[in-house]
Amino acid sequence: MTTLLITHPSSLRHETPPGHPERPDRLRAVEAALESERFAPLIRESALPATLEQIALCHPRDFAERILAASPLSGLVEVDADTVMSPGTIEAVLHGVGGAVQAVDEVMTGRVANAFSAMRPPGHHAESVKAMGFCFFNSAAIAARHAQRRHGAERVAIIDWDVHHGNGTQEIFWNDPSVLYASSHEMPLYPGTGEASERGEHGTVVNAPLRAGDGSDAFREAMESVLLPRIADFRPDLIIISAGFDAHWRDPLANLNLKEPDFAWATQQLMEIADRSCRGRIVSVLEGGYDLEGLSRSAAAHVMALMRG
């Protein structure tokens, strides 16, 4: 089995204000962890930039053009209270989306068994016409639609275990029976969406909210009783993971108590479903995770599981 790691130095050039949790050191921490000798078998590629046509799979072209045109020549520009652009942001955003698309190409053509795109900024809060929550374009959503349009995938399942609900992904696919969105997240917490009653027009939205203080037992119960069975029954042609690691007990932005083995276990469960449903095809896209030690250790556990370590 082969696992692909996709990165790009542009991720380090998206600058945020001092003290902002979504900072370049996040990627430095992940990259340092994945330089360990045990990750030597990884295939490593540099992300290609996304095209406007690829972004337009999930975001109207005029909205995408407005985001691209807002790039400052110097300093920082606020998109909302949490989301800022620096002169290096657009390059990072384009390579982040491009990395997710590239991962889909490599997995769907069988060159690799699965892939992890370790890029920033994250994407799952980006709605079709709204950048928010550190996010500009929705990489996981674009990857899913690219798998359908370019590779003929009929059904794609996106599972999101970031501690914050992926309102953007849910909004983009709310009316789409061909994409299942399944999320475990803390509530109440930003952005305020993700109630279990939110099911989409075709019942293909599955939310399993957790409460502050919940840990491994509650997370695994939600996965085993709610999310994993729905993904298995959906029989996807590809599974995409919105892999946020801010449900880790060390994270400063939330109040769940997951540990590294929980992310490895969840990865292994999804791989078993993928083996039965879609020849093992999994694409993972980095989302949140704001404590550097918790992020690096959790990402390492996730990638080791993808490698079937």
Protein backbone atom coordinates (compact mmCIF):
# COMPACT_ATOMS: atom_id res chain seq x y z
CA MET A 1 0.00 0.00 0.00
CA THR A 2 1.25 3.47 -0.84
CA THR A 3 0.34 6.77 0.80
CA LEU A 4 0.93 10.14 -0.81
CA LEU A 5 1.81 13.29 1.14
CA ILE A 6 1.19 16.58 -0.65
CA THR A 7 2.66 19.84 0.64
CA HIS A 8 3.81 23.19 -0.72
CA PRO A 9 5.94 26.00 0.77
CA SER A 10 3.27 28.56 -0.12
CA SER A 11 1.34 27.36 2.93
CA LEU A 12 3.95 29.13 5.05
CA ARG A 13 3.46 32.42 3.22
CA HIS A 14 -0.15 32.96 4.27
CA GLU A 15 0.40 35.35 7.17
CA THR A 16 -2.02 36.15 9.99
CA PRO A 17 -1.84 38.70 12.83
CA PRO A 18 0.27 38.00 15.93
CA GLY A 19 -1.58 35.64 18.25
CA HIS A 20 -3.86 34.32 15.51
CA PRO A 21 -4.33 30.54 15.96
CA GLU A 22 -4.22 29.74 12.22
CA ARG A 23 -0.53 30.47 11.73
CA PRO A 24 2.36 29.17 9.61
CA ASP A 25 3.83 27.27 12.57
CA ARG A 26 0.94 24.81 12.23
CA LEU A 27 2.38 23.52 8.97
CA ARG A 28 5.92 23.58 10.27
CA ALA A 29 4.82 21.33 13.12
CA VAL A 30 3.07 18.85 10.82
CA GLU A 31 5.94 18.78 8.33
CA ALA A 32 8.49 18.23 11.10
CA ALA A 33 6.50 15.31 12.49
CA LEU A 34 6.26 13.69 9.05
CA GLU A 35 10.02 13.95 8.50
CA SER A 36 10.55 11.18 11.03
CA GLU A 37 12.23 8.03 9.68
CA ARG A 38 9.06 6.00 10.12
CA PHE A 39 7.46 8.13 7.38
CA ALA A 40 10.23 7.42 4.87
CA PRO A 41 7.91 5.19 2.76
CA LEU A 42 5.61 8.15 1.97
CA ILE A 43 5.46 9.28 -1.62
CA ARG A 44 5.90 13.06 -1.53
CA GLU A 45 4.68 15.57 -4.06
CA SER A 46 4.53 19.34 -4.27
CA ALA A 47 1.02 20.69 -4.78
CA LEU A 48 0.03 22.20 -8.09
CA PRO A 49 -2.10 25.36 -8.02
CA ALA A 50 -5.82 25.07 -8.61
CA THR A 51 -7.39 26.63 -11.68
CA LEU A 52 -10.32 29.01 -11.57
CA GLU A 53 -12.35 26.32 -13.35
CA GLN A 54 -11.67 23.88 -10.51
CA ILE A 55 -12.64 26.42 -7.85
CA ALA A 56 -15.82 27.15 -9.82
CA LEU A 57 -16.92 23.55 -9.27
CA CYS A 58 -18.22 24.72 -5.86
CA HIS A 59 -17.97 28.52 -5.85
CA PRO A 60 -19.53 30.89 -8.40
CA ARG A 61 -16.89 32.27 -10.69
CA ASP A 62 -17.61 35.91 -9.81
CA PHE A 63 -17.21 35.15 -6.10
CA ALA A 64 -13.91 33.36 -6.74
CA GLU A 65 -12.67 36.27 -8.83
CA ARG A 66 -13.56 38.73 -6.06
CA ILE A 67 -11.55 36.73 -3.53
CA LEU A 68 -8.57 36.53 -5.85
CA ALA A 69 -8.77 40.26 -6.61
CA ALA A 70 -8.82 41.17 -2.90
CA SER A 71 -5.21 40.07 -2.40
CA PRO A 72 -3.23 42.94 -0.82
CA LEU A 73 0.18 44.08 -2.06
CA SER A 74 1.25 44.67 1.55
CA GLY A 75 -0.14 44.33 5.04
CA LEU A 76 -3.28 42.43 5.98
CA VAL A 77 -6.86 42.70 4.74
CA GLU A 78 -9.77 41.46 6.86
CA VAL A 79 -12.34 39.26 5.14
CA ASP A 80 -14.23 38.80 8.38
CA ALA A 81 -13.39 39.04 12.08
CA ASP A 82 -11.40 35.77 11.95
CA THR A 83 -10.21 35.60 8.35
CA VAL A 84 -7.43 37.73 6.92
CA MET A 85 -5.45 37.95 3.69
CA SER A 86 -1.75 38.75 3.35
CA PRO A 87 0.25 39.14 0.11
CA GLY A 88 1.01 35.39 0.22
CA THR A 89 -2.51 34.21 0.95
CA ILE A 90 -3.78 33.67 -2.59
CA GLU A 91 -0.81 31.51 -3.55
CA ALA A 92 -1.39 29.41 -0.42
CA VAL A 93 -5.12 29.13 -1.09
CA LEU A 94 -4.64 28.10 -4.73
CA HIS A 95 -2.07 25.45 -3.83
CA GLY A 96 -4.25 24.25 -0.96
CA VAL A 97 -7.18 23.63 -3.29
CA GLY A 98 -4.82 22.30 -5.94
CA GLY A 99 -3.29 19.85 -3.50
CA ALA A 100 -6.69 18.39 -2.69
CA VAL A 101 -7.52 18.07 -6.40
CA GLN A 102 -4.13 16.52 -7.09
CA ALA A 103 -4.68 14.00 -4.29
CA VAL A 104 -7.97 12.97 -5.92
CA ASP A 105 -6.25 12.51 -9.30
CA GLU A 106 -3.53 10.31 -7.83
CA VAL A 107 -5.94 8.17 -5.80
CA MET A 108 -8.65 7.80 -8.43
CA THR A 109 -6.15 6.77 -11.11
CA GLY A 110 -4.69 4.14 -8.76
CA ARG A 111 -1.19 5.57 -8.55
CA VAL A 112 -1.46 5.59 -4.75
CA ALA A 113 -3.82 3.93 -2.30
CA ASN A 114 -4.62 7.07 -0.36
CA ALA A 115 -3.33 10.62 0.16
CA PHE A 116 -2.99 13.36 2.77
CA SER A 117 -2.85 16.98 1.61
CA ALA A 118 -1.15 18.89 4.43
CA MET A 119 -1.86 22.48 3.50
CA ARG A 120 -3.30 25.67 4.94
CA PRO A 121 -5.47 27.68 5.21
CA PRO A 122 -8.29 25.22 5.98
CA GLY A 123 -11.47 25.18 3.91
CA HIS A 124 -14.52 23.53 5.47
CA HIS A 125 -16.15 26.76 6.73
CA ALA A 126 -16.11 28.32 3.25
CA GLU A 127 -19.63 28.39 1.88
CA SER A 128 -20.42 28.69 -1.82
CA VAL A 129 -20.39 32.50 -1.69
CA LYS A 130 -18.85 33.26 1.70
CA ALA A 131 -15.29 33.11 3.06
CA MET A 132 -15.27 32.73 6.85
CA GLY A 133 -13.69 30.96 9.81
CA PHE A 134 -10.09 31.13 8.48
CA CYS A 135 -11.34 29.61 5.17
CA PHE A 136 -11.53 31.03 1.62
CA PHE A 137 -12.39 28.15 -0.73
CA ASN A 138 -13.66 24.72 0.30
CA SER A 139 -10.92 22.30 -0.69
CA ALA A 140 -12.71 19.14 0.44
CA ALA A 141 -15.88 20.08 -1.42
CA ILE A 142 -13.98 20.96 -4.58
CA ALA A 143 -12.09 17.67 -4.34
CA ALA A 144 -15.37 15.76 -4.12
CA ARG A 145 -16.87 17.51 -7.12
CA HIS A 146 -13.62 17.05 -9.08
CA ALA A 147 -13.77 13.30 -8.40
CA GLN A 148 -17.26 13.27 -9.90
CA ARG A 149 -16.61 15.47 -12.91
CA ARG A 150 -13.12 14.26 -13.84
CA HIS A 151 -13.14 10.63 -12.71
CA GLY A 152 -16.80 9.62 -12.89
CA ALA A 153 -17.33 9.00 -9.18
CA GLU A 154 -21.07 8.62 -8.68
CA ARG A 155 -21.09 8.95 -4.89
CA VAL A 156 -18.56 10.67 -2.64
CA ALA A 157 -18.63 10.62 1.15
CA ILE A 158 -17.01 13.46 3.11
CA ILE A 159 -16.41 12.82 6.80
CA ASP A 160 -15.40 15.79 8.93
CA TRP A 161 -14.01 15.24 12.42
CA ASP A 162 -12.78 18.79 12.94
CA VAL A 163 -14.08 20.05 16.29
CA HIS A 164 -15.91 22.86 14.47
CA HIS A 165 -18.82 21.95 12.22
CA GLY A 166 -18.12 22.26 8.51
CA ASN A 167 -20.99 24.59 7.70
CA GLY A 168 -19.52 25.34 4.27
CA THR A 169 -19.40 21.74 3.13
CA GLN A 170 -22.89 21.14 4.46
CA GLU A 171 -24.24 24.21 2.65
CA ILE A 172 -22.58 23.34 -0.66
CA PHE A 173 -24.04 19.81 -0.75
CA TRP A 174 -27.33 20.40 1.10
CA ASN A 175 -29.38 19.65 -2.03
CA ASP A 176 -27.09 17.01 -3.54
CA PRO A 177 -27.97 13.31 -3.10
CA SER A 178 -24.66 12.22 -4.65
CA VAL A 179 -22.45 13.57 -1.81
CA LEU A 180 -22.81 12.43 1.79
CA TYR A 181 -21.58 14.87 4.44
CA ALA A 182 -20.99 13.31 7.86
CA SER A 183 -19.65 15.35 10.78
CA SER A 184 -18.63 14.89 14.39
CA HIS A 185 -18.07 18.21 16.20
CA GLU A 186 -18.54 20.04 19.48
CA MET A 187 -21.74 21.99 20.12
CA PRO A 188 -22.42 24.71 20.99
CA LEU A 189 -19.33 26.06 19.28
CA TYR A 190 -18.46 28.14 16.20
CA PRO A 191 -20.11 28.38 13.70
CA GLY A 192 -23.33 27.31 15.43
CA THR A 193 -24.53 24.85 12.80
CA GLY A 194 -24.50 21.06 12.95
CA GLU A 195 -27.57 19.97 14.90
CA ALA A 196 -28.54 16.34 14.46
CA SER A 197 -31.81 17.58 12.92
CA GLU A 198 -29.92 19.11 9.97
CA ARG A 199 -30.18 16.35 7.38
CA GLY A 200 -30.18 17.98 3.95
CA GLU A 201 -32.85 17.80 1.27
CA HIS A 202 -32.09 14.14 0.54
CA GLY A 203 -31.02 12.90 3.97
CA THR A 204 -27.37 12.97 2.95
CA VAL A 205 -26.25 15.28 5.78
CA VAL A 206 -25.43 13.38 8.98
CA ASN A 207 -24.44 15.33 12.08
CA ALA A 208 -23.33 13.78 15.37
CA PRO A 209 -22.75 16.71 17.75
CA LEU A 210 -20.72 16.17 20.91
CA ARG A 211 -20.75 18.16 24.13
CA ALA A 212 -17.94 20.06 25.82
CA GLY A 213 -15.91 17.64 27.91
CA ASP A 214 -16.68 14.59 25.77
CA GLY A 215 -13.71 12.37 25.02
CA SER A 216 -12.77 9.11 23.37
CA ASP A 217 -15.82 7.08 24.42
CA ALA A 218 -18.36 9.62 23.18
CA PHE A 219 -16.47 10.21 19.93
CA ARG A 220 -16.14 6.51 19.15
CA GLU A 221 -19.78 5.90 20.02
CA ALA A 222 -20.86 8.68 17.66
CA MET A 223 -18.69 7.25 14.92
CA GLU A 224 -19.83 3.65 15.41
CA SER A 225 -23.54 4.27 15.94
CA VAL A 226 -24.19 7.24 13.63
CA LEU A 227 -21.50 8.20 11.12
CA LEU A 228 -19.70 5.03 10.03
CA PRO A 229 -22.87 3.01 9.30
CA ARG A 230 -24.24 5.81 7.12
CA ILE A 231 -20.99 6.04 5.18
CA ALA A 232 -20.91 2.26 4.72
CA ASP A 233 -24.55 2.18 3.55
CA PHE A 234 -23.86 5.02 1.09
CA ARG A 235 -21.24 2.83 -0.66
CA PRO A 236 -19.11 5.76 -1.85
CA ASP A 237 -16.70 5.60 -4.76
CA LEU A 238 -14.32 7.81 -2.74
CA ILE A 239 -14.05 8.87 0.90
CA ILE A 240 -12.72 12.34 1.67
CA ILE A 241 -11.68 13.22 5.22
CA SER A 242 -11.81 16.80 6.47
CA ALA A 243 -9.06 16.04 8.95
CA GLY A 244 -9.10 18.67 11.66
CA PHE A 245 -7.23 17.83 14.85
CA ASP A 246 -8.65 20.53 17.13
CA ALA A 247 -10.77 17.99 19.02
CA HIS A 248 -7.48 17.03 20.70
CA TRP A 249 -7.49 17.62 24.45
CA ARG A 250 -4.67 20.18 24.19
CA ASP A 251 -6.40 22.45 21.66
CA PRO A 252 -7.09 26.00 22.88
CA LEU A 253 -10.17 26.67 20.72
CA ALA A 254 -12.43 23.85 21.92
CA ASN A 255 -13.30 21.55 24.79
CA LEU A 256 -13.21 17.96 23.58
CA ASN A 257 -10.72 15.47 24.96
CA LEU A 258 -9.61 13.28 22.07
CA LYS A 259 -6.15 11.75 21.92
CA GLU A 260 -3.95 10.64 19.08
CA PRO A 261 -5.17 7.00 19.14
CA ASP A 262 -8.72 8.24 18.50
CA PHE A 263 -7.72 9.77 15.18
CA ALA A 264 -5.77 6.64 14.23
CA TRP A 265 -8.77 4.46 15.14
CA ALA A 266 -11.18 6.60 13.12
CA THR A 267 -8.82 6.44 10.15
CA GLN A 268 -8.63 2.66 10.40
CA GLN A 269 -12.42 2.35 10.56
CA LEU A 270 -12.79 4.45 7.42
CA MET A 271 -10.12 2.43 5.65
CA GLU A 272 -12.08 -0.75 6.32
CA ILE A 273 -15.18 0.82 4.76
CA ALA A 274 -13.11 2.09 1.83
CA ASP A 275 -11.65 -1.37 1.28
CA ARG A 276 -15.15 -2.81 0.95
CA SER A 277 -16.70 0.03 -1.02
CA CYS A 278 -14.14 1.80 -3.18
CA ARG A 279 -10.89 -0.16 -3.43
CA GLY A 280 -9.45 1.67 -0.44
CA ARG A 281 -9.65 5.12 -2.01
CA ILE A 282 -9.30 7.84 0.63
CA VAL A 283 -8.22 11.47 0.30
CA SER A 284 -7.54 13.38 3.51
CA VAL A 285 -7.35 17.17 3.67
CA LEU A 286 -5.97 19.03 6.67
CA GLU A 287 -8.43 21.37 8.37
CA GLY A 288 -7.98 22.73 11.93
CA GLY A 289 -5.74 21.98 14.89
CA TYR A 290 -4.22 24.86 16.81
CA ASP A 291 -2.06 23.38 19.55
CA LEU A 292 1.20 22.58 17.80
CA GLU A 293 2.04 19.48 19.81
CA GLY A 294 -1.48 18.08 19.66
CA LEU A 295 -1.68 18.83 15.94
CA SER A 296 1.67 17.29 15.03
CA ARG A 297 1.15 14.12 17.07
CA SER A 298 -2.41 13.64 15.83
CA ALA A 299 -1.50 14.21 12.18
CA ALA A 300 1.36 11.73 12.56
CA ALA A 301 -1.01 9.12 14.02
CA HIS A 302 -3.47 9.73 11.18
CA VAL A 303 -0.85 9.38 8.46
CA MET A 304 0.66 6.30 10.08
CA ALA A 305 -2.79 4.70 10.02
CA LEU A 306 -3.17 5.62 6.34
CA MET A 307 0.13 3.84 5.76
CA ARG A 308 -1.43 0.86 7.60
CA GLY A 309 1.26 1.20 10.24
